[in-house]
Amino acid sequence: MLNENGECVSMIEKGTECTIKIKVCFHANIKDPILAYTVKDLKGTEITGTNTALEGKEIGAVQAGDVVTAVFRQKMTLQGAQYLLSFGCTGYESGTFTVYHRLYDMAQLQVVSERNTIGCVDLNAQVQVWKGKGRDTG
């Protein structure tokens, strides 16, 4: 996990840009692997995540000894709290979903925030309020 300055961190400020890097060394030939990460809360509930296939980034065939790095850049919109990051390498063999390797709860992510909202994600609502009498309210 990298902050907006490219520093390796475990704490990210809500609303800032961050990067999650996944680097995989392959020990076998694999056709079209998928690299993924998920974010869970401390109760084990999956909050969010993505992977190279969902993001439209095909890796193509890899050979034993190849190293592939996937870089996911995003704005941190999770609420201030502690989370756990999991990583995986999956794919499809003859149309069957196959897990090549998974690392559960490998890193702790602390999101810090001066302002939280309800739930897990901040929708960045822009709020306006009018006060008046009768129909005189915006």
Protein backbone atom coordinates (compact mmCIF):
# COMPACT_ATOMS: atom_id res chain seq x y z
CA MET A 1 0.00 0.00 0.00
CA LEU A 2 1.41 3.34 -1.04
CA ASN A 3 0.14 6.78 -0.10
CA GLU A 4 -0.23 9.67 -2.54
CA ASN A 5 3.50 10.43 -2.13
CA GLY A 6 4.50 6.90 -3.11
CA GLU A 7 5.52 5.97 0.44
CA CYS A 8 4.89 2.44 1.72
CA VAL A 9 2.35 2.85 4.54
CA SER A 10 -0.35 1.04 6.47
CA MET A 11 -2.32 4.22 7.24
CA ILE A 12 -4.17 6.21 4.57
CA GLU A 13 -6.09 9.44 5.00
CA LYS A 14 -9.65 9.28 3.70
CA GLY A 15 -10.08 11.25 0.48
CA THR A 16 -6.48 10.88 -0.68
CA GLU A 17 -5.10 8.86 -3.58
CA CYS A 18 -3.50 5.52 -2.73
CA THR A 19 -2.00 2.57 -4.55
CA ILE A 20 -2.13 -1.15 -3.91
CA LYS A 21 0.60 -3.14 -5.65
CA ILE A 22 0.47 -6.89 -6.13
CA LYS A 23 3.60 -8.65 -7.39
CA VAL A 24 3.41 -12.34 -8.30
CA CYS A 25 6.21 -14.70 -9.31
CA PHE A 26 4.80 -17.62 -11.29
CA HIS A 27 6.13 -21.14 -10.78
CA ALA A 28 4.02 -22.67 -13.54
CA ASN A 29 2.70 -21.76 -16.97
CA ILE A 30 -0.76 -20.19 -16.64
CA LYS A 31 -3.10 -18.85 -19.27
CA ASP A 32 -4.62 -15.47 -18.33
CA PRO A 33 -4.13 -15.22 -14.54
CA ILE A 34 -6.19 -12.69 -12.58
CA LEU A 35 -4.62 -10.67 -9.75
CA ALA A 36 -6.99 -9.40 -7.08
CA TYR A 37 -7.32 -7.71 -3.71
CA THR A 38 -10.17 -7.43 -1.25
CA VAL A 39 -10.75 -5.22 1.77
CA LYS A 40 -12.56 -6.65 4.81
CA ASP A 41 -13.61 -5.05 8.06
CA LEU A 42 -12.35 -6.55 11.32
CA LYS A 43 -15.53 -8.64 11.57
CA GLY A 44 -14.57 -10.40 8.33
CA THR A 45 -17.15 -8.75 6.07
CA GLU A 46 -15.86 -8.07 2.56
CA ILE A 47 -16.27 -4.36 1.94
CA THR A 48 -14.76 -3.90 -1.51
CA GLY A 49 -12.13 -5.16 -3.87
CA THR A 50 -11.28 -5.52 -7.50
CA ASN A 51 -9.14 -7.51 -9.87
CA THR A 52 -7.37 -7.20 -13.18
CA ALA A 53 -10.24 -8.87 -15.07
CA LEU A 54 -12.92 -6.59 -13.61
CA GLU A 55 -10.74 -3.61 -14.50
CA GLY A 56 -10.35 -4.84 -18.10
CA LYS A 57 -6.62 -5.55 -17.84
CA GLU A 58 -5.80 -8.94 -19.33
CA ILE A 59 -2.43 -10.32 -18.33
CA GLY A 60 -2.22 -12.98 -21.01
CA ALA A 61 -0.22 -16.18 -20.76
CA VAL A 62 2.63 -16.34 -18.25
CA GLN A 63 5.51 -18.78 -18.09
CA ALA A 64 7.20 -20.29 -15.04
CA GLY A 65 9.65 -17.67 -13.78
CA ASP A 66 7.66 -14.67 -15.02
CA VAL A 67 6.94 -11.89 -12.54
CA VAL A 68 3.78 -9.81 -12.96
CA THR A 69 2.99 -6.63 -11.02
CA ALA A 70 -0.51 -5.17 -10.91
CA VAL A 71 -0.88 -1.60 -9.66
CA PHE A 72 -4.32 -0.44 -8.49
CA ARG A 73 -4.66 3.32 -7.99
CA GLN A 74 -7.76 4.72 -6.34
CA LYS A 75 -9.13 7.42 -4.09
CA MET A 76 -9.66 6.20 -0.53
CA THR A 77 -13.38 6.57 0.14
CA LEU A 78 -13.67 4.08 3.00
CA GLN A 79 -14.66 5.43 6.41
CA GLY A 80 -12.08 5.96 9.09
CA ALA A 81 -11.55 2.49 10.62
CA GLN A 82 -9.26 -0.53 10.56
CA TYR A 83 -9.47 -2.97 7.65
CA LEU A 84 -7.68 -6.08 6.42
CA LEU A 85 -6.27 -6.62 2.92
CA SER A 86 -6.29 -9.99 1.18
CA PHE A 87 -4.65 -10.85 -2.14
CA GLY A 88 -5.16 -13.54 -4.71
CA CYS A 89 -4.15 -15.00 -8.01
CA THR A 90 -6.91 -16.87 -9.80
CA GLY A 91 -8.01 -17.71 -13.31
CA TYR A 92 -10.02 -20.12 -15.43
CA GLU A 93 -8.89 -23.54 -16.61
CA SER A 94 -11.19 -25.09 -19.20
CA GLY A 95 -13.94 -22.71 -18.08
CA THR A 96 -13.62 -23.65 -14.40
CA PHE A 97 -12.70 -20.97 -11.86
CA THR A 98 -9.34 -21.90 -10.32
CA VAL A 99 -7.57 -20.44 -7.29
CA TYR A 100 -3.81 -20.54 -7.75
CA HIS A 101 -2.90 -18.74 -4.55
CA ARG A 102 -4.64 -16.63 -1.91
CA LEU A 103 -3.24 -14.70 1.01
CA TYR A 104 -5.96 -13.81 3.52
CA ASP A 105 -5.71 -10.87 5.93
CA MET A 106 -2.12 -10.17 4.95
CA ALA A 107 -1.99 -6.48 5.76
CA GLN A 108 -3.79 -4.16 8.09
CA LEU A 109 -5.06 -0.91 6.63
CA GLN A 110 -5.91 2.01 8.90
CA VAL A 111 -8.03 4.72 7.30
CA VAL A 112 -8.00 7.99 9.23
CA SER A 113 -10.62 10.66 8.79
CA GLU A 114 -11.65 13.98 10.26
CA ARG A 115 -15.24 13.34 9.12
CA ASN A 116 -17.08 10.05 8.88
CA THR A 117 -20.51 9.26 7.53
CA ILE A 118 -22.82 6.29 8.05
CA GLY A 119 -21.76 2.92 6.64
CA CYS A 120 -18.50 1.87 5.03
CA VAL A 121 -18.10 4.24 2.10
CA ASP A 122 -18.29 8.01 1.89
CA LEU A 123 -20.46 9.06 -1.08
CA ASN A 124 -18.97 12.57 -0.86
CA ALA A 125 -22.43 14.13 -0.74
CA GLN A 126 -22.61 17.85 -1.39
CA VAL A 127 -25.29 19.20 0.95
CA GLN A 128 -27.31 22.39 0.69
CA VAL A 129 -29.92 23.52 3.20
CA TRP A 130 -32.54 26.25 2.84
CA LYS A 131 -34.66 27.62 5.62
CA GLY A 132 -37.79 29.63 5.03
CA LYS A 133 -41.54 29.82 5.60
CA GLY A 134 -44.14 27.79 3.71
CA ARG A 135 -43.06 27.25 0.11
CA ASP A 136 -40.10 29.58 0.40
CA THR A 137 -37.52 26.78 0.80
CA GLY A 138 -35.36 26.55 -2.31
